[in-house]
PDB file of N, CA and C in Angstrom:
ATOM      1  N   MET A   1     -46.042  73.274 -20.080  1.00  0.00           N
ATOM      2  CA  MET A   1     -46.697  74.497 -20.459  1.00  0.00           C
ATOM      3  C   MET A   1     -47.833  74.772 -19.489  1.00  0.00           C
ATOM      4  N   LYS A   2     -47.736  75.865 -18.784  1.00  0.00           N
ATOM      5  CA  LYS A   2     -48.781  76.220 -17.849  1.00  0.00           C
ATOM      6  C   LYS A   2     -49.378  77.551 -18.271  1.00  0.00           C
ATOM      7  N   ALA A   3     -50.675  77.573 -18.448  1.00  0.00           N
ATOM      8  CA  ALA A   3     -51.345  78.805 -18.881  1.00  0.00           C
ATOM      9  C   ALA A   3     -51.460  79.772 -17.717  1.00  0.00           C
ATOM     10  N   ARG A   4     -51.210  81.048 -18.024  1.00  0.00           N
ATOM     11  CA  ARG A   4     -51.432  82.101 -17.044  1.00  0.00           C
ATOM     12  C   ARG A   4     -52.803  82.694 -17.318  1.00  0.00           C
ATOM     13  N   SER A   5     -53.358  83.390 -16.363  1.00  0.00           N
ATOM     14  CA  SER A   5     -54.675  83.980 -16.574  1.00  0.00           C
ATOM     15  C   SER A   5     -54.565  85.138 -17.553  1.00  0.00           C
ATOM     16  N   GLU A   6     -55.628  85.348 -18.326  1.00  0.00           N
ATOM     17  CA  GLU A   6     -55.665  86.434 -19.301  1.00  0.00           C
ATOM     18  C   GLU A   6     -55.460  87.786 -18.628  1.00  0.00           C
ATOM     19  N   GLN A   7     -55.916  87.921 -17.371  1.00  0.00           N
ATOM     20  CA  GLN A   7     -55.836  89.190 -16.681  1.00  0.00           C
ATOM     21  C   GLN A   7     -54.395  89.631 -16.465  1.00  0.00           C
ATOM     22  N   GLU A   8     -53.464  88.706 -16.322  1.00  0.00           N
ATOM     23  CA  GLU A   8     -52.068  89.039 -16.108  1.00  0.00           C
ATOM     24  C   GLU A   8     -51.397  89.579 -17.365  1.00  0.00           C
ATOM     25  N   LEU A   9     -51.926  89.257 -18.527  1.00  0.00           N
ATOM     26  CA  LEU A   9     -51.271  89.600 -19.777  1.00  0.00           C
ATOM     27  C   LEU A   9     -51.663  90.985 -20.268  1.00  0.00           C
ATOM     28  N   PRO A  10     -50.701  91.866 -20.497  1.00  0.00           N
ATOM     29  CA  PRO A  10     -51.020  93.198 -21.024  1.00  0.00           C
ATOM     30  C   PRO A  10     -50.989  93.222 -22.544  1.00  0.00           C
ATOM     31  N   TRP A  11     -51.192  92.091 -23.189  1.00  0.00           N
ATOM     32  CA  TRP A  11     -50.926  91.976 -24.619  1.00  0.00           C
ATOM     33  C   TRP A  11     -52.184  91.772 -25.450  1.00  0.00           C
ATOM     34  N   GLN A  12     -53.342  92.172 -24.938  1.00  0.00           N
ATOM     35  CA  GLN A  12     -54.577  91.960 -25.687  1.00  0.00           C
ATOM     36  C   GLN A  12     -54.632  92.779 -26.967  1.00  0.00           C
ATOM     37  N   HIS A  13     -53.871  93.854 -27.058  1.00  0.00           N
ATOM     38  CA  HIS A  13     -53.978  94.760 -28.191  1.00  0.00           C
ATOM     39  C   HIS A  13     -52.759  94.707 -29.116  1.00  0.00           C
ATOM     40  N   LEU A  14     -52.131  93.560 -29.212  1.00  0.00           N
ATOM     41  CA  LEU A  14     -50.958  93.424 -30.079  1.00  0.00           C
ATOM     42  C   LEU A  14     -51.315  93.440 -31.553  1.00  0.00           C
ATOM     43  N   ASP A  15     -52.524  93.017 -31.875  1.00  0.00           N
ATOM     44  CA  ASP A  15     -52.923  92.947 -33.276  1.00  0.00           C
ATOM     45  C   ASP A  15     -52.815  94.328 -33.910  1.00  0.00           C
ATOM     46  N   GLY A  16     -52.132  94.409 -35.021  1.00  0.00           N
ATOM     47  CA  GLY A  16     -51.926  95.672 -35.700  1.00  0.00           C
ATOM     48  C   GLY A  16     -50.657  96.381 -35.272  1.00  0.00           C
ATOM     49  N   ILE A  17     -50.153  96.059 -34.084  1.00  0.00           N
ATOM     50  CA  ILE A  17     -48.896  96.661 -33.616  1.00  0.00           C
ATOM     51  C   ILE A  17     -47.731  95.759 -34.008  1.00  0.00           C
ATOM     52  N   ILE A  18     -47.866  94.473 -33.740  1.00  0.00           N
ATOM     53  CA  ILE A  18     -46.865  93.488 -34.135  1.00  0.00           C
ATOM     54  C   ILE A  18     -47.327  92.893 -35.454  1.00  0.00           C
ATOM     55  N   THR A  19     -46.505  93.028 -36.490  1.00  0.00           N
ATOM     56  CA  THR A  19     -46.863  92.459 -37.786  1.00  0.00           C
ATOM     57  C   THR A  19     -45.786  91.499 -38.236  1.00  0.00           C
ATOM     58  N   PRO A  20     -46.102  90.487 -38.996  1.00  0.00           N
ATOM     59  CA  PRO A  20     -47.433  90.102 -39.436  1.00  0.00           C
ATOM     60  C   PRO A  20     -48.279  89.604 -38.266  1.00  0.00           C
ATOM     61  N   SER A  21     -49.576  89.411 -38.504  1.00  0.00           N
ATOM     62  CA  SER A  21     -50.473  88.964 -37.438  1.00  0.00           C
ATOM     63  C   SER A  21     -50.036  87.624 -36.864  1.00  0.00           C
ATOM     64  N   SER A  22     -49.376  86.807 -37.679  1.00  0.00           N
ATOM     65  CA  SER A  22     -48.889  85.518 -37.162  1.00  0.00           C
ATOM     66  C   SER A  22     -47.850  85.735 -36.064  1.00  0.00           C
ATOM     67  N   ALA A  23     -47.024  86.772 -36.195  1.00  0.00           N
ATOM     68  CA  ALA A  23     -46.035  87.075 -35.150  1.00  0.00           C
ATOM     69  C   ALA A  23     -46.736  87.497 -33.871  1.00  0.00           C
ATOM     70  N   SER A  24     -47.798  88.265 -34.005  1.00  0.00           N
ATOM     71  CA  SER A  24     -48.579  88.684 -32.846  1.00  0.00           C
ATOM     72  C   SER A  24     -49.173  87.477 -32.128  1.00  0.00           C
ATOM     73  N   GLU A  25     -49.741  86.553 -32.891  1.00  0.00           N
ATOM     74  CA  GLU A  25     -50.357  85.357 -32.300  1.00  0.00           C
ATOM     75  C   GLU A  25     -49.312  84.465 -31.628  1.00  0.00           C
ATOM     76  N   VAL A  26     -48.169  84.291 -32.272  1.00  0.00           N
ATOM     77  CA  VAL A  26     -47.094  83.480 -31.695  1.00  0.00           C
ATOM     78  C   VAL A  26     -46.593  84.131 -30.406  1.00  0.00           C
ATOM     79  N   LEU A  27     -46.407  85.443 -30.426  1.00  0.00           N
ATOM     80  CA  LEU A  27     -45.934  86.150 -29.246  1.00  0.00           C
ATOM     81  C   LEU A  27     -46.916  86.003 -28.091  1.00  0.00           C
ATOM     82  N   LYS A  28     -48.210  86.192 -28.363  1.00  0.00           N
ATOM     83  CA  LYS A  28     -49.214  86.032 -27.311  1.00  0.00           C
ATOM     84  C   LYS A  28     -49.186  84.614 -26.745  1.00  0.00           C
ATOM     85  N   CYS A  29     -48.989  83.632 -27.605  1.00  0.00           N
ATOM     86  CA  CYS A  29     -48.921  82.235 -27.168  1.00  0.00           C
ATOM     87  C   CYS A  29     -47.734  82.025 -26.221  1.00  0.00           C
ATOM     88  N   LEU A  30     -46.562  82.517 -26.621  1.00  0.00           N
ATOM     89  CA  LEU A  30     -45.373  82.341 -25.782  1.00  0.00           C
ATOM     90  C   LEU A  30     -45.485  83.122 -24.477  1.00  0.00           C
ATOM     91  N   LEU A  31     -46.115  84.285 -24.516  1.00  0.00           N
ATOM     92  CA  LEU A  31     -46.329  85.053 -23.290  1.00  0.00           C
ATOM     93  C   LEU A  31     -47.249  84.294 -22.338  1.00  0.00           C
ATOM     94  N   GLN A  32     -48.263  83.658 -22.888  1.00  0.00           N
ATOM     95  CA  GLN A  32     -49.233  82.970 -22.047  1.00  0.00           C
ATOM     96  C   GLN A  32     -48.748  81.605 -21.568  1.00  0.00           C
ATOM     97  N   TYR A  33     -48.080  80.843 -22.444  1.00  0.00           N
ATOM     98  CA  TYR A  33     -47.749  79.459 -22.110  1.00  0.00           C
ATOM     99  C   TYR A  33     -46.273  79.203 -21.827  1.00  0.00           C
ATOM    100  N   GLY A  34     -45.406  80.145 -22.104  1.00  0.00           N
ATOM    101  CA  GLY A  34     -43.976  79.922 -21.896  1.00  0.00           C
ATOM    102  C   GLY A  34     -43.381  79.132 -23.056  1.00  0.00           C
ATOM    103  N   GLU A  35     -42.396  78.305 -22.773  1.00  0.00           N
ATOM    104  CA  GLU A  35     -41.724  77.528 -23.823  1.00  0.00           C
ATOM    105  C   GLU A  35     -42.708  76.630 -24.555  1.00  0.00           C
ATOM    106  N   CYS A  36     -42.611  76.635 -25.883  1.00  0.00           N
ATOM    107  CA  CYS A  36     -43.502  75.820 -26.716  1.00  0.00           C
ATOM    108  C   CYS A  36     -42.735  75.300 -27.920  1.00  0.00           C
ATOM    109  N   THR A  37     -43.127  74.139 -28.388  1.00  0.00           N
ATOM    110  CA  THR A  37     -42.624  73.641 -29.671  1.00  0.00           C
ATOM    111  C   THR A  37     -43.460  74.290 -30.774  1.00  0.00           C
ATOM    112  N   THR A  38     -42.973  74.213 -31.990  1.00  0.00           N
ATOM    113  CA  THR A  38     -43.742  74.726 -33.123  1.00  0.00           C
ATOM    114  C   THR A  38     -45.090  74.024 -33.194  1.00  0.00           C
ATOM    115  N   GLU A  39     -45.074  72.731 -32.990  1.00  0.00           N
ATOM    116  CA  GLU A  39     -46.316  71.944 -33.034  1.00  0.00           C
ATOM    117  C   GLU A  39     -47.311  72.419 -31.983  1.00  0.00           C
ATOM    118  N   SER A  40     -46.839  72.700 -30.782  1.00  0.00           N
ATOM    119  CA  SER A  40     -47.773  73.155 -29.746  1.00  0.00           C
ATOM    120  C   SER A  40     -48.275  74.565 -30.042  1.00  0.00           C
ATOM    121  N   ILE A  41     -47.447  75.413 -30.656  1.00  0.00           N
ATOM    122  CA  ILE A  41     -47.912  76.753 -31.044  1.00  0.00           C
ATOM    123  C   ILE A  41     -49.015  76.635 -32.092  1.00  0.00           C
ATOM    124  N   VAL A  42     -48.847  75.706 -33.040  1.00  0.00           N
ATOM    125  CA  VAL A  42     -49.878  75.459 -34.053  1.00  0.00           C
ATOM    126  C   VAL A  42     -51.190  75.072 -33.364  1.00  0.00           C
ATOM    127  N   GLU A  43     -51.101  74.133 -32.417  1.00  0.00           N
ATOM    128  CA  GLU A  43     -52.301  73.666 -31.726  1.00  0.00           C
ATOM    129  C   GLU A  43     -52.952  74.767 -30.892  1.00  0.00           C
ATOM    130  N   LEU A  44     -52.149  75.554 -30.190  1.00  0.00           N
ATOM    131  CA  LEU A  44     -52.680  76.570 -29.282  1.00  0.00           C
ATOM    132  C   LEU A  44     -53.232  77.798 -29.991  1.00  0.00           C
ATOM    133  N   THR A  45     -52.662  78.127 -31.161  1.00  0.00           N
ATOM    134  CA  THR A  45     -53.081  79.349 -31.859  1.00  0.00           C
ATOM    135  C   THR A  45     -54.068  79.097 -32.987  1.00  0.00           C
ATOM    136  N   GLY A  46     -54.075  77.892 -33.527  1.00  0.00           N
ATOM    137  CA  GLY A  46     -54.918  77.613 -34.688  1.00  0.00           C
ATOM    138  C   GLY A  46     -54.279  78.068 -35.992  1.00  0.00           C
ATOM    139  N   LEU A  47     -53.056  78.594 -35.923  1.00  0.00           N
ATOM    140  CA  LEU A  47     -52.332  78.971 -37.142  1.00  0.00           C
ATOM    141  C   LEU A  47     -51.840  77.722 -37.846  1.00  0.00           C
ATOM    142  N   ILE A  48     -51.585  77.820 -39.140  1.00  0.00           N
ATOM    143  CA  ILE A  48     -50.966  76.700 -39.840  1.00  0.00           C
ATOM    144  C   ILE A  48     -49.454  76.777 -39.616  1.00  0.00           C
ATOM    145  N   THR A  49     -48.774  75.683 -39.857  1.00  0.00           N
ATOM    146  CA  THR A  49     -47.337  75.593 -39.575  1.00  0.00           C
ATOM    147  C   THR A  49     -46.543  76.698 -40.263  1.00  0.00           C
ATOM    148  N   GLY A  50     -46.840  76.978 -41.530  1.00  0.00           N
ATOM    149  CA  GLY A  50     -46.123  78.030 -42.255  1.00  0.00           C
ATOM    150  C   GLY A  50     -46.287  79.393 -41.602  1.00  0.00           C
ATOM    151  N   GLU A  51     -47.494  79.689 -41.093  1.00  0.00           N
ATOM    152  CA  GLU A  51     -47.730  80.961 -40.408  1.00  0.00           C
ATOM    153  C   GLU A  51     -46.937  81.042 -39.107  1.00  0.00           C
ATOM    154  N   VAL A  52     -46.876  79.930 -38.390  1.00  0.00           N
ATOM    155  CA  VAL A  52     -46.091  79.897 -37.147  1.00  0.00           C
ATOM    156  C   VAL A  52     -44.620  80.134 -37.462  1.00  0.00           C
ATOM    157  N   HIS A  53     -44.110  79.473 -38.489  1.00  0.00           N
ATOM    158  CA  HIS A  53     -42.705  79.676 -38.878  1.00  0.00           C
ATOM    159  C   HIS A  53     -42.446  81.128 -39.270  1.00  0.00           C
ATOM    160  N   SER A  54     -43.376  81.728 -40.006  1.00  0.00           N
ATOM    161  CA  SER A  54     -43.242  83.130 -40.407  1.00  0.00           C
ATOM    162  C   SER A  54     -43.229  84.042 -39.181  1.00  0.00           C
ATOM    163  N   GLY A  55     -44.142  83.800 -38.254  1.00  0.00           N
ATOM    164  CA  GLY A  55     -44.187  84.599 -37.034  1.00  0.00           C
ATOM    165  C   GLY A  55     -42.937  84.439 -36.202  1.00  0.00           C
ATOM    166  N   LEU A  56     -42.457  83.205 -36.057  1.00  0.00           N
ATOM    167  CA  LEU A  56     -41.224  82.956 -35.295  1.00  0.00           C
ATOM    168  C   LEU A  56     -40.029  83.623 -35.956  1.00  0.00           C
ATOM    169  N   ARG A  57     -39.975  83.571 -37.280  1.00  0.00           N
ATOM    170  CA  ARG A  57     -38.868  84.197 -38.013  1.00  0.00           C
ATOM    171  C   ARG A  57     -38.829  85.705 -37.732  1.00  0.00           C
ATOM    172  N   LYS A  58     -39.994  86.349 -37.774  1.00  0.00           N
ATOM    173  CA  LYS A  58     -40.078  87.789 -37.507  1.00  0.00           C
ATOM    174  C   LYS A  58     -39.659  88.101 -36.063  1.00  0.00           C
ATOM    175  N   LEU A  59     -40.143  87.317 -35.122  1.00  0.00           N
ATOM    176  CA  LEU A  59     -39.808  87.544 -33.716  1.00  0.00           C
ATOM    177  C   LEU A  59     -38.338  87.245 -33.430  1.00  0.00           C
ATOM    178  N   ARG A  60     -37.783  86.253 -34.099  1.00  0.00           N
ATOM    179  CA  ARG A  60     -36.353  85.943 -33.933  1.00  0.00           C
ATOM    180  C   ARG A  60     -35.517  87.068 -34.521  1.00  0.00           C
ATOM    181  N   TRP A  61     -35.944  87.625 -35.667  1.00  0.00           N
ATOM    182  CA  TRP A  61     -35.239  88.747 -36.288  1.00  0.00           C
ATOM    183  C   TRP A  61     -35.219  89.943 -35.332  1.00  0.00           C
ATOM    184  N   ARG A  62     -36.303  90.161 -34.608  1.00  0.00           N
ATOM    185  CA  ARG A  62     -36.372  91.252 -33.634  1.00  0.00           C
ATOM    186  C   ARG A  62     -35.537  90.958 -32.388  1.00  0.00           C
ATOM    187  N   GLY A  63     -35.125  89.702 -32.216  1.00  0.00           N
ATOM    188  CA  GLY A  63     -34.372  89.315 -31.028  1.00  0.00           C
ATOM    189  C   GLY A  63     -35.253  89.012 -29.834  1.00  0.00           C
ATOM    190  N   TRP A  64     -36.527  88.762 -30.092  1.00  0.00           N
ATOM    191  CA  TRP A  64     -37.473  88.542 -29.008  1.00  0.00           C
ATOM    192  C   TRP A  64     -37.668  87.081 -28.632  1.00  0.00           C
ATOM    193  N   VAL A  65     -37.309  86.144 -29.521  1.00  0.00           N
ATOM    194  CA  VAL A  65     -37.437  84.717 -29.219  1.00  0.00           C
ATOM    195  C   VAL A  65     -36.168  83.990 -29.623  1.00  0.00           C
ATOM    196  N   SER A  66     -35.974  82.857 -28.988  1.00  0.00           N
ATOM    197  CA  SER A  66     -34.870  81.979 -29.360  1.00  0.00           C
ATOM    198  C   SER A  66     -35.337  80.546 -29.138  1.00  0.00           C
ATOM    199  N   SER A  67     -34.558  79.614 -29.651  1.00  0.00           N
ATOM    200  CA  SER A  67     -34.957  78.216 -29.508  1.00  0.00           C
ATOM    201  C   SER A  67     -33.774  77.366 -29.077  1.00  0.00           C
ATOM    202  N   VAL A  68     -34.122  76.265 -28.445  1.00  0.00           N
ATOM    203  CA  VAL A  68     -33.152  75.231 -28.100  1.00  0.00           C
ATOM    204  C   VAL A  68     -33.788  73.898 -28.467  1.00  0.00           C
ATOM    205  N   GLU A  69     -32.943  72.904 -28.756  1.00  0.00           N
ATOM    206  CA  GLU A  69     -33.495  71.584 -29.041  1.00  0.00           C
ATOM    207  C   GLU A  69     -33.983  70.969 -27.741  1.00  0.00           C
ATOM    208  N   SER A  70     -35.195  70.428 -27.782  1.00  0.00           N
ATOM    209  CA  SER A  70     -35.763  69.811 -26.593  1.00  0.00           C
ATOM    210  C   SER A  70     -35.290  68.372 -26.479  1.00  0.00           C
ATOM    211  N   VAL A  71     -35.530  67.790 -25.334  1.00  0.00           N
ATOM    212  CA  VAL A  71     -35.215  66.380 -25.116  1.00  0.00           C
ATOM    213  C   VAL A  71     -36.350  65.578 -25.730  1.00  0.00           C
ATOM    214  N   SER A  72     -36.002  64.575 -26.517  1.00  0.00           N
ATOM    215  CA  SER A  72     -37.019  63.786 -27.196  1.00  0.00           C
ATOM    216  C   SER A  72     -36.722  62.311 -27.042  1.00  0.00           C
ATOM    217  N   THR A  73     -37.775  61.541 -26.858  1.00  0.00           N
ATOM    218  CA  THR A  73     -37.620  60.083 -26.780  1.00  0.00           C
ATOM    219  C   THR A  73     -37.928  59.437 -28.123  1.00  0.00           C
ATOM    220  N   ARG A  74     -38.395  60.245 -29.077  1.00  0.00           N
ATOM    221  CA  ARG A  74     -38.699  59.725 -30.415  1.00  0.00           C
ATOM    222  C   ARG A  74     -37.433  59.717 -31.256  1.00  0.00           C
ATOM    223  N   PRO A  75     -37.359  58.824 -32.239  1.00  0.00           N
ATOM    224  CA  PRO A  75     -36.205  58.846 -33.135  1.00  0.00           C
ATOM    225  C   PRO A  75     -36.236  60.099 -34.005  1.00  0.00           C
ATOM    226  N   GLY A  76     -35.086  60.490 -34.473  1.00  0.00           N
ATOM    227  CA  GLY A  76     -34.994  61.657 -35.339  1.00  0.00           C
ATOM    228  C   GLY A  76     -34.587  62.898 -34.564  1.00  0.00           C
ATOM    229  N   ARG A  77     -34.568  63.979 -35.290  1.00  0.00           N
ATOM    230  CA  ARG A  77     -34.156  65.246 -34.695  1.00  0.00           C
ATOM    231  C   ARG A  77     -35.201  65.727 -33.680  1.00  0.00           C
ATOM    232  N   PRO A  78     -34.764  66.122 -32.491  1.00  0.00           N
ATOM    233  CA  PRO A  78     -35.730  66.594 -31.497  1.00  0.00           C
ATOM    234  C   PRO A  78     -36.309  67.954 -31.895  1.00  0.00           C
ATOM    235  N   PRO A  79     -37.550  68.205 -31.508  1.00  0.00           N
ATOM    236  CA  PRO A  79     -38.166  69.489 -31.855  1.00  0.00           C
ATOM    237  C   PRO A  79     -37.520  70.643 -31.072  1.00  0.00           C
ATOM    238  N   HIS A  80     -37.612  71.827 -31.639  1.00  0.00           N
ATOM    239  CA  HIS A  80     -37.101  73.015 -30.958  1.00  0.00           C
ATOM    240  C   HIS A  80     -38.134  73.539 -29.977  1.00  0.00           C
ATOM    241  N   LEU A  81     -37.664  73.996 -28.838  1.00  0.00           N
ATOM    242  CA  LEU A  81     -38.511  74.693 -27.879  1.00  0.00           C
ATOM    243  C   LEU A  81     -38.281  76.181 -28.069  1.00  0.00           C
ATOM    244  N   TRP A  82     -39.338  76.918 -28.309  1.00  0.00           N
ATOM    245  CA  TRP A  82     -39.253  78.353 -28.509  1.00  0.00           C
ATOM    246  C   TRP A  82     -39.641  79.065 -27.227  1.00  0.00           C
ATOM    247  N   ALA A  83     -38.904  80.129 -26.917  1.00  0.00           N
ATOM    248  CA  ALA A  83     -39.182  80.898 -25.698  1.00  0.00           C
ATOM    249  C   ALA A  83     -38.798  82.351 -25.917  1.00  0.00           C
ATOM    250  N   LEU A  84     -39.337  83.210 -25.083  1.00  0.00           N
ATOM    251  CA  LEU A  84     -38.977  84.623 -25.129  1.00  0.00           C
ATOM    252  C   LEU A  84     -37.521  84.788 -24.728  1.00  0.00           C
ATOM    253  N   SER A  85     -36.826  85.685 -25.400  1.00  0.00           N
ATOM    254  CA  SER A  85     -35.422  85.919 -25.053  1.00  0.00           C
ATOM    255  C   SER A  85     -35.215  87.298 -24.433  1.00  0.00           C
ATOM    256  N   ILE A  86     -36.294  88.081 -24.311  1.00  0.00           N
ATOM    257  CA  ILE A  86     -36.226  89.344 -23.572  1.00  0.00           C
ATOM    258  C   ILE A  86     -37.457  89.405 -22.663  1.00  0.00           C
ATOM    259  N   SER A  87     -37.414  90.286 -21.696  1.00  0.00           N
ATOM    260  CA  SER A  87     -38.520  90.387 -20.745  1.00  0.00           C
ATOM    261  C   SER A  87     -39.709  91.127 -21.358  1.00  0.00           C
ATOM    262  N   GLU A  88     -40.859  90.949 -20.743  1.00  0.00           N
ATOM    263  CA  GLU A  88     -42.049  91.665 -21.182  1.00  0.00           C
ATOM    264  C   GLU A  88     -41.818  93.174 -21.080  1.00  0.00           C
ATOM    265  N   GLU A  89     -41.150  93.612 -20.034  1.00  0.00           N
ATOM    266  CA  GLU A  89     -40.867  95.038 -19.848  1.00  0.00           C
ATOM    267  C   GLU A  89     -40.020  95.582 -20.999  1.00  0.00           C
ATOM    268  N   GLU A  90     -39.004  94.820 -21.428  1.00  0.00           N
ATOM    269  CA  GLU A  90     -38.185  95.255 -22.563  1.00  0.00           C
ATOM    270  C   GLU A  90     -39.015  95.351 -23.839  1.00  0.00           C
ATOM    271  N   MET A  91     -39.941  94.401 -24.030  1.00  0.00           N
ATOM    272  CA  MET A  91     -40.820  94.447 -25.204  1.00  0.00           C
ATOM    273  C   MET A  91     -41.704  95.685 -25.156  1.00  0.00           C
ATOM    274  N   ILE A  92     -42.267  95.962 -24.002  1.00  0.00           N
ATOM    275  CA  ILE A  92     -43.140  97.128 -23.852  1.00  0.00           C
ATOM    276  C   ILE A  92     -42.373  98.404 -24.159  1.00  0.00           C
ATOM    277  N   GLN A  93     -41.171  98.532 -23.624  1.00  0.00           N
ATOM    278  CA  GLN A  93     -40.370  99.733 -23.868  1.00  0.00           C
ATOM    279  C   GLN A  93     -40.019  99.873 -25.348  1.00  0.00           C
ATOM    280  N   THR A  94     -39.691  98.770 -25.992  1.00  0.00           N
ATOM    281  CA  THR A  94     -39.389  98.796 -27.424  1.00  0.00           C
ATOM    282  C   THR A  94     -40.607  99.247 -28.219  1.00  0.00           C
ATOM    283  N   LEU A  95     -41.776  98.699 -27.900  1.00  0.00           N
ATOM    284  CA  LEU A  95     -42.994  99.066 -28.610  1.00  0.00           C
ATOM    285  C   LEU A  95     -43.359 100.529 -28.382  1.00  0.00           C
ATOM    286  N   ILE A  96     -43.204 101.005 -27.154  1.00  0.00           N
ATOM    287  CA  ILE A  96     -43.486 102.416 -26.870  1.00  0.00           C
ATOM    288  C   ILE A  96     -42.590 103.306 -27.721  1.00  0.00           C
ATOM    289  N   HIS A  97     -41.301 102.973 -27.777  1.00  0.00           N
ATOM    290  CA  HIS A  97     -40.361 103.763 -28.573  1.00  0.00           C
ATOM    291  C   HIS A  97     -40.741 103.733 -30.059  1.00  0.00           C
ATOM    292  N   GLU A  98     -41.028 102.539 -30.583  1.00  0.00           N
ATOM    293  CA  GLU A  98     -41.377 102.409 -32.000  1.00  0.00           C
ATOM    294  C   GLU A  98     -42.661 103.159 -32.332  1.00  0.00           C
ATOM    295  N   LEU A  99     -43.667 103.043 -31.467  1.00  0.00           N
ATOM    296  CA  LEU A  99     -44.940 103.720 -31.729  1.00  0.00           C
ATOM    297  C   LEU A  99     -44.808 105.232 -31.616  1.00  0.00           C
ATOM    298  N   ALA A 100     -44.014 105.701 -30.671  1.00  0.00           N
ATOM    299  CA  ALA A 100     -43.789 107.151 -30.543  1.00  0.00           C
ATOM    300  C   ALA A 100     -43.081 107.686 -31.780  1.00  0.00           C
ATOM    301  N   THR A 101     -42.078 106.960 -32.263  1.00  0.00           N
ATOM    302  CA  THR A 101     -41.365 107.372 -33.468  1.00  0.00           C
ATOM    303  C   THR A 101     -42.306 107.399 -34.660  1.00  0.00           C
ATOM    304  N   GLU A 102     -43.097 106.351 -34.812  1.00  0.00           N
ATOM    305  CA  GLU A 102     -44.054 106.286 -35.922  1.00  0.00           C
ATOM    306  C   GLU A 102     -45.079 107.412 -35.822  1.00  0.00           C
ATOM    307  N   SER A 103     -45.517 107.719 -34.614  1.00  0.00           N
ATOM    308  CA  SER A 103     -46.481 108.796 -34.402  1.00  0.00           C
ATOM    309  C   SER A 103     -45.907 110.140 -34.843  1.00  0.00           C
ATOM    310  N   HIS A 104     -44.645 110.396 -34.517  1.00  0.00           N
ATOM    311  CA  HIS A 104     -43.999 111.652 -34.931  1.00  0.00           C
ATOM    312  C   HIS A 104     -43.863 111.730 -36.452  1.00  0.00           C
ATOM    313  N   ILE A 105     -43.505 110.636 -37.063  1.00  0.00           N
ATOM    314  CA  ILE A 105     -43.360 110.597 -38.525  1.00  0.00           C
ATOM    315  C   ILE A 105     -44.705 110.880 -39.190  1.00  0.00           C
ATOM    316  N   LEU A 106     -45.768 110.232 -38.681  1.00  0.00           N
ATOM    317  CA  LEU A 106     -47.099 110.451 -39.252  1.00  0.00           C
ATOM    318  C   LEU A 106     -47.574 111.886 -39.026  1.00  0.00           C
ATOM    319  N   ALA A 107     -47.310 112.446 -37.849  1.00  0.00           N
ATOM    320  CA  ALA A 107     -47.710 113.834 -37.571  1.00  0.00           C
ATOM    321  C   ALA A 107     -47.005 114.796 -38.520  1.00  0.00           C
ATOM    322  N   ASP A 108     -45.713 114.564 -38.761  1.00  0.00           N
ATOM    323  CA  ASP A 108     -44.969 115.403 -39.709  1.00  0.00           C
ATOM    324  C   ASP A 108     -45.551 115.286 -41.120  1.00  0.00           C
ATOM    325  N   ALA A 109     -45.910 114.079 -41.521  1.00  0.00           N
ATOM    326  CA  ALA A 109     -46.487 113.863 -42.850  1.00  0.00           C
ATOM    327  C   ALA A 109     -47.829 114.574 -42.977  1.00  0.00           C
ATOM    328  N   ILE A 110     -48.642 114.514 -41.937  1.00  0.00           N
ATOM    329  CA  ILE A 110     -49.948 115.186 -41.962  1.00  0.00           C
ATOM    330  C   ILE A 110     -49.768 116.695 -42.076  1.00  0.00           C
ATOM    331  N   ARG A 111     -48.843 117.252 -41.300  1.00  0.00           N
ATOM    332  CA  ARG A 111     -48.583 118.699 -41.387  1.00  0.00           C
ATOM    333  C   ARG A 111     -48.128 119.084 -42.792  1.00  0.00           C
ATOM    334  N   GLY A 112     -47.285 118.274 -43.393  1.00  0.00           N
ATOM    335  CA  GLY A 112     -46.826 118.550 -44.757  1.00  0.00           C
ATOM    336  C   GLY A 112     -47.953 118.527 -45.765  1.00  0.00           C
ATOM    337  N   ILE A 113     -48.833 117.544 -45.636  1.00  0.00           N
ATOM    338  CA  ILE A 113     -49.978 117.441 -46.544  1.00  0.00           C
ATOM    339  C   ILE A 113     -50.937 118.610 -46.323  1.00  0.00           C
ATOM    340  N   GLU A 114     -51.142 119.001 -45.077  1.00  0.00           N
ATOM    341  CA  GLU A 114     -52.032 120.127 -44.787  1.00  0.00           C
ATOM    342  C   GLU A 114     -51.495 121.422 -45.402  1.00  0.00           C
ATOM    343  N   ARG A 115     -50.160 121.621 -45.387  1.00  0.00           N
ATOM    344  CA  ARG A 115     -49.564 122.811 -45.993  1.00  0.00           C
ATOM    345  C   ARG A 115     -49.819 122.836 -47.503  1.00  0.00           C
ATOM    346  N   ILE A 116     -49.727 121.687 -48.123  1.00  0.00           N
ATOM    347  CA  ILE A 116     -49.955 121.596 -49.574  1.00  0.00           C
ATOM    348  C   ILE A 116     -51.417 121.891 -49.894  1.00  0.00           C
ATOM    349  N   GLY A 117     -52.319 121.328 -49.091  1.00  0.00           N
ATOM    350  CA  GLY A 117     -53.743 121.487 -49.344  1.00  0.00           C
ATOM    351  C   GLY A 117     -54.343 122.782 -48.845  1.00  0.00           C
ATOM    352  N   GLY A 118     -53.667 123.486 -47.988  1.00  0.00           N
ATOM    353  CA  GLY A 118     -54.306 124.662 -47.415  1.00  0.00           C
ATOM    354  C   GLY A 118     -53.577 125.869 -47.654  1.00  0.00           C
TER     355      GLY A 118
END
């Protein structure tokens, strides 16, 4: 895991856009550090394990992350390595589309409410 500089990351404003907030934190972690185990995401983000699992579940549902079993020298099942499964550019385009759609829906709702009130 190698950290990239904060300046390279265009993801400072994910909070409130990616929900739940745990998904936002997990995504920022994977963007900054690359492949991570659940345990390392817990350590790097300060989230509890359940929050990390919730965030990963949401991101996996979106198709943005995937996991593979890592190589382990310890007995038992090896931990999963989580990584982005689409590019940052694809994520940005998806978010732009979703936010534009949401903006149009909200604008239509405001116009409807204004007609009722005025």
